[in-house]
Amino acid sequence: MSDMDMFLKGTLREEQAANSQPTGPGGDLPEPLEVIQLSLASVEAARERFPGYRLTRLVAARLELDEADIARLSGILDVDLFRSIPDVKRPFDFHLRNVIARYDLGALFRDDGHAPYHHSIRPTGYDFHRDEVIPVGMEQWRADYRHMPDERQIMAASIVWLYRAGKDNVWLRRVPCTWHAADAIACLIAAGAFEDWTRLYALYPGW
């Protein structure tokens, strides 16, 4: 491909990304939804427009979004993120447990029964009664995490950030977790895991 062809192709992608911005009632998208939308159109455009916008920031921004925003995210993805499952009264709890099982994250998260529903699921490697790290357990947690492929690391880190309602420096110290949001989205899409991630993001009710 010639330099001119590459330039034209890049320009076309940027135009498509720009044209993908929503119009109509509601005005501009909240920043986290704009990051997701632009990342779907062009990773390069998203990185250029939102330099340094890490996945951890995107996950933490979930607390800024309301039900109307998540409905707009459903429209962006053309997926009903609120899709009900018969006989499931706690959709986040149900989906979280499915994600942990589907992506083989059982070594990183356990149900210790300390509270009802998803509140009982906690990262391993920590003594919650004494409020202190279990050194051997945490070392194993990080070793298991490091050996996972990127999409499983992204899913696990996202669960930790949801659990912590923001940044974490307990479990995610000295492990890969600094992805740009656009790169993480591209990785999840390539692995067929993006819908699971977005549903986890959308259904999150707080921990």
C-alpha atoms as a PDB file:
ATOM      1  CA  MET A   1       0.000   0.000   0.000  1.00  0.00           C
ATOM      2  CA  SER A   2       1.391   3.414  -0.992  1.00  0.00           C
ATOM      3  CA  ASP A   3       1.883   6.278   1.453  1.00  0.00           C
ATOM      4  CA  MET A   4      -0.983   8.124  -0.239  1.00  0.00           C
ATOM      5  CA  ASP A   5      -3.302   5.103   0.095  1.00  0.00           C
ATOM      6  CA  MET A   6      -2.407   4.815   3.773  1.00  0.00           C
ATOM      7  CA  PHE A   7      -3.065   8.531   4.257  1.00  0.00           C
ATOM      8  CA  LEU A   8      -6.448   8.325   2.537  1.00  0.00           C
ATOM      9  CA  LYS A   9      -7.415   5.233   4.508  1.00  0.00           C
ATOM     10  CA  GLY A  10      -6.488   6.932   7.762  1.00  0.00           C
ATOM     11  CA  THR A  11      -8.410  10.063   6.790  1.00  0.00           C
ATOM     12  CA  LEU A  12     -11.483   7.980   5.959  1.00  0.00           C
ATOM     13  CA  ARG A  13     -11.334   6.258   9.356  1.00  0.00           C
ATOM     14  CA  GLU A  14     -11.118   9.608  11.121  1.00  0.00           C
ATOM     15  CA  GLU A  15     -14.065  10.963   9.134  1.00  0.00           C
ATOM     16  CA  GLN A  16     -16.114   7.876   9.965  1.00  0.00           C
ATOM     17  CA  ALA A  17     -15.228   8.240  13.640  1.00  0.00           C
ATOM     18  CA  ALA A  18     -16.206  11.910  13.614  1.00  0.00           C
ATOM     19  CA  ASN A  19     -19.466  11.171  11.825  1.00  0.00           C
ATOM     20  CA  SER A  20     -20.311   8.490  14.381  1.00  0.00           C
ATOM     21  CA  GLN A  21     -20.978  11.122  17.056  1.00  0.00           C
ATOM     22  CA  PRO A  22     -24.646  11.053  18.097  1.00  0.00           C
ATOM     23  CA  THR A  23     -27.153  13.743  17.194  1.00  0.00           C
ATOM     24  CA  GLY A  24     -30.599  14.459  18.474  1.00  0.00           C
ATOM     25  CA  PRO A  25     -31.959  14.704  22.024  1.00  0.00           C
ATOM     26  CA  GLY A  26     -29.421  14.430  24.796  1.00  0.00           C
ATOM     27  CA  GLY A  27     -26.581  16.395  23.239  1.00  0.00           C
ATOM     28  CA  ASP A  28     -23.018  15.194  23.507  1.00  0.00           C
ATOM     29  CA  LEU A  29     -22.192  11.845  25.039  1.00  0.00           C
ATOM     30  CA  PRO A  30     -20.632  11.620  28.500  1.00  0.00           C
ATOM     31  CA  GLU A  31     -16.877  11.214  28.128  1.00  0.00           C
ATOM     32  CA  PRO A  32     -16.711   7.470  28.975  1.00  0.00           C
ATOM     33  CA  LEU A  33     -19.355   6.667  26.360  1.00  0.00           C
ATOM     34  CA  GLU A  34     -17.570   8.868  23.840  1.00  0.00           C
ATOM     35  CA  VAL A  35     -14.353   6.947  24.531  1.00  0.00           C
ATOM     36  CA  ILE A  36     -16.132   3.648  23.919  1.00  0.00           C
ATOM     37  CA  GLN A  37     -17.876   4.870  20.766  1.00  0.00           C
ATOM     38  CA  LEU A  38     -14.739   6.349  19.254  1.00  0.00           C
ATOM     39  CA  SER A  39     -12.681   3.267  20.170  1.00  0.00           C
ATOM     40  CA  LEU A  40     -15.144   1.110  18.247  1.00  0.00           C
ATOM     41  CA  ALA A  41     -14.776   3.350  15.199  1.00  0.00           C
ATOM     42  CA  SER A  42     -10.989   3.773  15.329  1.00  0.00           C
ATOM     43  CA  VAL A  43      -8.477   2.836  18.001  1.00  0.00           C
ATOM     44  CA  GLU A  44      -6.024   5.326  16.521  1.00  0.00           C
ATOM     45  CA  ALA A  45      -8.557   8.174  16.618  1.00  0.00           C
ATOM     46  CA  ALA A  46      -9.497   7.314  20.210  1.00  0.00           C
ATOM     47  CA  ARG A  47      -5.865   7.307  21.316  1.00  0.00           C
ATOM     48  CA  GLU A  48      -5.294  10.644  19.593  1.00  0.00           C
ATOM     49  CA  ARG A  49      -8.382  12.329  21.013  1.00  0.00           C
ATOM     50  CA  PHE A  50      -8.040  10.800  24.487  1.00  0.00           C
ATOM     51  CA  PRO A  51      -4.302  10.357  25.065  1.00  0.00           C
ATOM     52  CA  GLY A  52      -3.489   8.597  28.305  1.00  0.00           C
ATOM     53  CA  TYR A  53      -7.123   7.559  28.896  1.00  0.00           C
ATOM     54  CA  ARG A  54      -6.600   4.245  30.641  1.00  0.00           C
ATOM     55  CA  LEU A  55      -9.065   1.430  31.130  1.00  0.00           C
ATOM     56  CA  THR A  56      -8.996   1.998  34.885  1.00  0.00           C
ATOM     57  CA  ARG A  57     -10.365   5.505  34.299  1.00  0.00           C
ATOM     58  CA  LEU A  58     -13.108   4.157  32.047  1.00  0.00           C
ATOM     59  CA  VAL A  59     -14.167   1.574  34.630  1.00  0.00           C
ATOM     60  CA  ALA A  60     -14.110   4.106  37.478  1.00  0.00           C
ATOM     61  CA  ALA A  61     -16.254   6.436  35.361  1.00  0.00           C
ATOM     62  CA  ARG A  62     -19.094   3.903  35.548  1.00  0.00           C
ATOM     63  CA  LEU A  63     -20.100   5.575  38.807  1.00  0.00           C
ATOM     64  CA  GLU A  64     -20.789   8.779  36.852  1.00  0.00           C
ATOM     65  CA  LEU A  65     -23.286   7.116  34.512  1.00  0.00           C
ATOM     66  CA  ASP A  66     -26.998   6.685  35.142  1.00  0.00           C
ATOM     67  CA  GLU A  67     -29.572   4.360  33.643  1.00  0.00           C
ATOM     68  CA  ALA A  68     -30.231   6.731  30.745  1.00  0.00           C
ATOM     69  CA  ASP A  69     -26.530   6.746  29.899  1.00  0.00           C
ATOM     70  CA  ILE A  70     -26.428   2.949  29.894  1.00  0.00           C
ATOM     71  CA  ALA A  71     -29.453   2.950  27.584  1.00  0.00           C
ATOM     72  CA  ARG A  72     -27.430   5.176  25.242  1.00  0.00           C
ATOM     73  CA  LEU A  73     -24.539   2.719  25.500  1.00  0.00           C
ATOM     74  CA  SER A  74     -26.949  -0.049  24.477  1.00  0.00           C
ATOM     75  CA  GLY A  75     -27.799   2.039  21.426  1.00  0.00           C
ATOM     76  CA  ILE A  76     -24.138   2.555  20.543  1.00  0.00           C
ATOM     77  CA  LEU A  77     -23.499  -1.186  20.734  1.00  0.00           C
ATOM     78  CA  ASP A  78     -26.884  -2.190  19.289  1.00  0.00           C
ATOM     79  CA  VAL A  79     -27.182  -4.632  22.188  1.00  0.00           C
ATOM     80  CA  ASP A  80     -29.801  -4.681  24.946  1.00  0.00           C
ATOM     81  CA  LEU A  81     -27.512  -4.481  27.972  1.00  0.00           C
ATOM     82  CA  PHE A  82     -30.540  -4.680  30.269  1.00  0.00           C
ATOM     83  CA  ARG A  83     -31.741  -7.887  28.641  1.00  0.00           C
ATOM     84  CA  SER A  84     -33.567  -9.847  31.301  1.00  0.00           C
ATOM     85  CA  ILE A  85     -32.903 -13.514  32.011  1.00  0.00           C
ATOM     86  CA  PRO A  86     -35.911 -15.522  33.198  1.00  0.00           C
ATOM     87  CA  ASP A  87     -35.962 -16.132  36.960  1.00  0.00           C
ATOM     88  CA  VAL A  88     -32.841 -13.992  37.543  1.00  0.00           C
ATOM     89  CA  LYS A  89     -33.550 -11.284  40.115  1.00  0.00           C
ATOM     90  CA  ARG A  90     -29.940 -10.137  40.543  1.00  0.00           C
ATOM     91  CA  PRO A  91     -28.555  -9.731  37.012  1.00  0.00           C
ATOM     92  CA  PHE A  92     -25.143  -8.336  38.003  1.00  0.00           C
ATOM     93  CA  ASP A  93     -24.572 -11.125  40.515  1.00  0.00           C
ATOM     94  CA  PHE A  94     -25.624 -13.692  37.903  1.00  0.00           C
ATOM     95  CA  HIS A  95     -23.446 -12.228  35.162  1.00  0.00           C
ATOM     96  CA  LEU A  96     -20.432 -11.681  37.422  1.00  0.00           C
ATOM     97  CA  ARG A  97     -20.452 -15.321  38.472  1.00  0.00           C
ATOM     98  CA  ASN A  98     -20.791 -16.404  34.843  1.00  0.00           C
ATOM     99  CA  VAL A  99     -17.851 -14.207  33.826  1.00  0.00           C
ATOM    100  CA  ILE A 100     -15.661 -15.595  36.613  1.00  0.00           C
ATOM    101  CA  ALA A 101     -16.507 -19.131  35.480  1.00  0.00           C
ATOM    102  CA  ARG A 102     -16.301 -18.480  31.726  1.00  0.00           C
ATOM    103  CA  TYR A 103     -12.902 -16.760  31.894  1.00  0.00           C
ATOM    104  CA  ASP A 104     -11.517 -19.147  34.520  1.00  0.00           C
ATOM    105  CA  LEU A 105     -10.962 -16.446  37.139  1.00  0.00           C
ATOM    106  CA  GLY A 106     -11.788 -18.679  40.108  1.00  0.00           C
ATOM    107  CA  ALA A 107      -8.217 -18.487  41.428  1.00  0.00           C
ATOM    108  CA  LEU A 108      -8.545 -14.697  41.687  1.00  0.00           C
ATOM    109  CA  PHE A 109     -12.042 -14.337  43.149  1.00  0.00           C
ATOM    110  CA  ARG A 110     -13.985 -16.393  45.651  1.00  0.00           C
ATOM    111  CA  ASP A 111     -17.386 -16.369  47.291  1.00  0.00           C
ATOM    112  CA  ASP A 112     -16.689 -16.250  51.023  1.00  0.00           C
ATOM    113  CA  GLY A 113     -20.344 -15.926  52.003  1.00  0.00           C
ATOM    114  CA  HIS A 114     -19.792 -12.812  54.103  1.00  0.00           C
ATOM    115  CA  ALA A 115     -22.735 -11.018  52.493  1.00  0.00           C
ATOM    116  CA  PRO A 116     -25.625 -11.750  50.121  1.00  0.00           C
ATOM    117  CA  TYR A 117     -25.351 -11.896  46.346  1.00  0.00           C
ATOM    118  CA  HIS A 118     -22.326 -10.355  44.579  1.00  0.00           C
ATOM    119  CA  HIS A 119     -21.202  -8.649  47.790  1.00  0.00           C
ATOM    120  CA  SER A 120     -19.860 -12.023  48.926  1.00  0.00           C
ATOM    121  CA  ILE A 121     -17.422 -12.211  46.006  1.00  0.00           C
ATOM    122  CA  ARG A 122     -13.986 -10.884  46.924  1.00  0.00           C
ATOM    123  CA  PRO A 123     -10.496 -11.046  45.438  1.00  0.00           C
ATOM    124  CA  THR A 124      -8.326 -13.711  47.043  1.00  0.00           C
ATOM    125  CA  GLY A 125      -4.959 -13.143  48.737  1.00  0.00           C
ATOM    126  CA  TYR A 126      -6.287 -10.856  51.443  1.00  0.00           C
ATOM    127  CA  ASP A 127      -7.380 -11.373  55.061  1.00  0.00           C
ATOM    128  CA  PHE A 128     -10.510  -9.243  55.278  1.00  0.00           C
ATOM    129  CA  HIS A 129     -10.988  -9.914  58.990  1.00  0.00           C
ATOM    130  CA  ARG A 130      -7.555  -8.510  59.833  1.00  0.00           C
ATOM    131  CA  ASP A 131      -7.581  -6.069  56.910  1.00  0.00           C
ATOM    132  CA  GLU A 132      -4.164  -7.112  55.685  1.00  0.00           C
ATOM    133  CA  VAL A 133      -2.509  -8.807  52.734  1.00  0.00           C
ATOM    134  CA  ILE A 134      -1.733 -12.512  52.985  1.00  0.00           C
ATOM    135  CA  PRO A 135       1.810 -12.418  51.498  1.00  0.00           C
ATOM    136  CA  VAL A 136       1.858 -15.927  50.029  1.00  0.00           C
ATOM    137  CA  GLY A 137      -1.734 -15.634  48.822  1.00  0.00           C
ATOM    138  CA  MET A 138      -1.132 -12.269  47.169  1.00  0.00           C
ATOM    139  CA  GLU A 139       2.026 -13.530  45.507  1.00  0.00           C
ATOM    140  CA  GLN A 140       0.010 -16.416  44.082  1.00  0.00           C
ATOM    141  CA  TRP A 141      -2.798 -14.063  42.997  1.00  0.00           C
ATOM    142  CA  ARG A 142      -0.376 -11.921  41.016  1.00  0.00           C
ATOM    143  CA  ALA A 143       1.418 -14.946  39.554  1.00  0.00           C
ATOM    144  CA  ASP A 144      -1.900 -16.425  38.360  1.00  0.00           C
ATOM    145  CA  TYR A 145      -2.918 -13.060  36.926  1.00  0.00           C
ATOM    146  CA  ARG A 146       0.387 -12.571  35.057  1.00  0.00           C
ATOM    147  CA  HIS A 147       0.031 -15.953  33.346  1.00  0.00           C
ATOM    148  CA  MET A 148      -3.385 -15.092  31.918  1.00  0.00           C
ATOM    149  CA  PRO A 149      -3.849 -13.849  28.346  1.00  0.00           C
ATOM    150  CA  ASP A 150      -4.618 -10.164  27.944  1.00  0.00           C
ATOM    151  CA  GLU A 151      -8.393 -10.466  27.680  1.00  0.00           C
ATOM    152  CA  ARG A 152      -8.591 -12.405  30.960  1.00  0.00           C
ATOM    153  CA  GLN A 153      -6.294  -9.893  32.659  1.00  0.00           C
ATOM    154  CA  ILE A 154      -8.509  -7.075  31.400  1.00  0.00           C
ATOM    155  CA  MET A 155     -11.620  -8.806  32.716  1.00  0.00           C
ATOM    156  CA  ALA A 156     -10.007  -9.558  36.090  1.00  0.00           C
ATOM    157  CA  ALA A 157      -8.622  -6.027  36.495  1.00  0.00           C
ATOM    158  CA  SER A 158     -12.035  -4.571  35.607  1.00  0.00           C
ATOM    159  CA  ILE A 159     -13.701  -6.678  38.310  1.00  0.00           C
ATOM    160  CA  VAL A 160     -11.127  -5.470  40.843  1.00  0.00           C
ATOM    161  CA  TRP A 161     -11.738  -1.836  39.841  1.00  0.00           C
ATOM    162  CA  LEU A 162     -15.493  -2.332  40.126  1.00  0.00           C
ATOM    163  CA  TYR A 163     -14.979  -3.973  43.510  1.00  0.00           C
ATOM    164  CA  ARG A 164     -12.819  -1.054  44.640  1.00  0.00           C
ATOM    165  CA  ALA A 165     -15.036   1.526  42.891  1.00  0.00           C
ATOM    166  CA  GLY A 166     -11.899   2.983  41.326  1.00  0.00           C
ATOM    167  CA  LYS A 167      -8.144   2.576  41.341  1.00  0.00           C
ATOM    168  CA  ASP A 168      -6.444  -0.247  43.216  1.00  0.00           C
ATOM    169  CA  ASN A 169      -2.933  -0.580  44.581  1.00  0.00           C
ATOM    170  CA  VAL A 170      -3.413  -3.802  46.542  1.00  0.00           C
ATOM    171  CA  TRP A 171      -4.006  -6.588  44.019  1.00  0.00           C
ATOM    172  CA  LEU A 172      -2.890  -4.783  40.861  1.00  0.00           C
ATOM    173  CA  ARG A 173       0.544  -3.655  41.995  1.00  0.00           C
ATOM    174  CA  ARG A 174       3.418  -4.709  39.742  1.00  0.00           C
ATOM    175  CA  VAL A 175       1.157  -6.481  37.264  1.00  0.00           C
ATOM    176  CA  PRO A 176       0.034  -5.473  33.735  1.00  0.00           C
ATOM    177  CA  CYS A 177      -2.994  -3.196  34.048  1.00  0.00           C
ATOM    178  CA  THR A 178      -2.162   0.122  32.359  1.00  0.00           C
ATOM    179  CA  TRP A 179      -3.852  -0.456  29.002  1.00  0.00           C
ATOM    180  CA  HIS A 180      -5.234   2.485  27.103  1.00  0.00           C
ATOM    181  CA  ALA A 181      -9.018   2.080  27.078  1.00  0.00           C
ATOM    182  CA  ALA A 182      -9.103   1.854  23.271  1.00  0.00           C
ATOM    183  CA  ASP A 183      -6.470  -0.897  23.207  1.00  0.00           C
ATOM    184  CA  ALA A 184      -8.324  -2.848  25.891  1.00  0.00           C
ATOM    185  CA  ILE A 185     -11.582  -2.574  23.958  1.00  0.00           C
ATOM    186  CA  ALA A 186      -9.871  -3.779  20.780  1.00  0.00           C
ATOM    187  CA  CYS A 187      -8.369  -6.717  22.679  1.00  0.00           C
ATOM    188  CA  LEU A 188     -11.740  -7.697  24.159  1.00  0.00           C
ATOM    189  CA  ILE A 189     -13.402  -7.509  20.752  1.00  0.00           C
ATOM    190  CA  ALA A 190     -10.704  -9.676  19.149  1.00  0.00           C
ATOM    191  CA  ALA A 191     -11.159 -12.263  21.909  1.00  0.00           C
ATOM    192  CA  GLY A 192     -14.961 -12.260  21.641  1.00  0.00           C
ATOM    193  CA  ALA A 193     -15.210 -10.943  25.216  1.00  0.00           C
ATOM    194  CA  PHE A 194     -16.388  -7.371  24.687  1.00  0.00           C
ATOM    195  CA  GLU A 195     -20.107  -8.017  25.155  1.00  0.00           C
ATOM    196  CA  ASP A 196     -19.446  -9.814  28.438  1.00  0.00           C
ATOM    197  CA  TRP A 197     -17.324  -6.872  29.582  1.00  0.00           C
ATOM    198  CA  THR A 198     -19.870  -4.238  28.568  1.00  0.00           C
ATOM    199  CA  ARG A 199     -22.710  -6.140  30.238  1.00  0.00           C
ATOM    200  CA  LEU A 200     -20.654  -6.346  33.442  1.00  0.00           C
ATOM    201  CA  TYR A 201     -20.008  -2.596  33.129  1.00  0.00           C
ATOM    202  CA  ALA A 202     -23.647  -1.804  32.426  1.00  0.00           C
ATOM    203  CA  LEU A 203     -25.222  -3.945  35.133  1.00  0.00           C
ATOM    204  CA  TYR A 204     -22.849  -2.845  37.917  1.00  0.00           C
ATOM    205  CA  PRO A 205     -24.965  -1.596  40.855  1.00  0.00           C
ATOM    206  CA  GLY A 206     -22.109  -0.771  43.213  1.00  0.00           C
ATOM    207  CA  TRP A 207     -20.379  -3.216  45.545  1.00  0.00           C
END
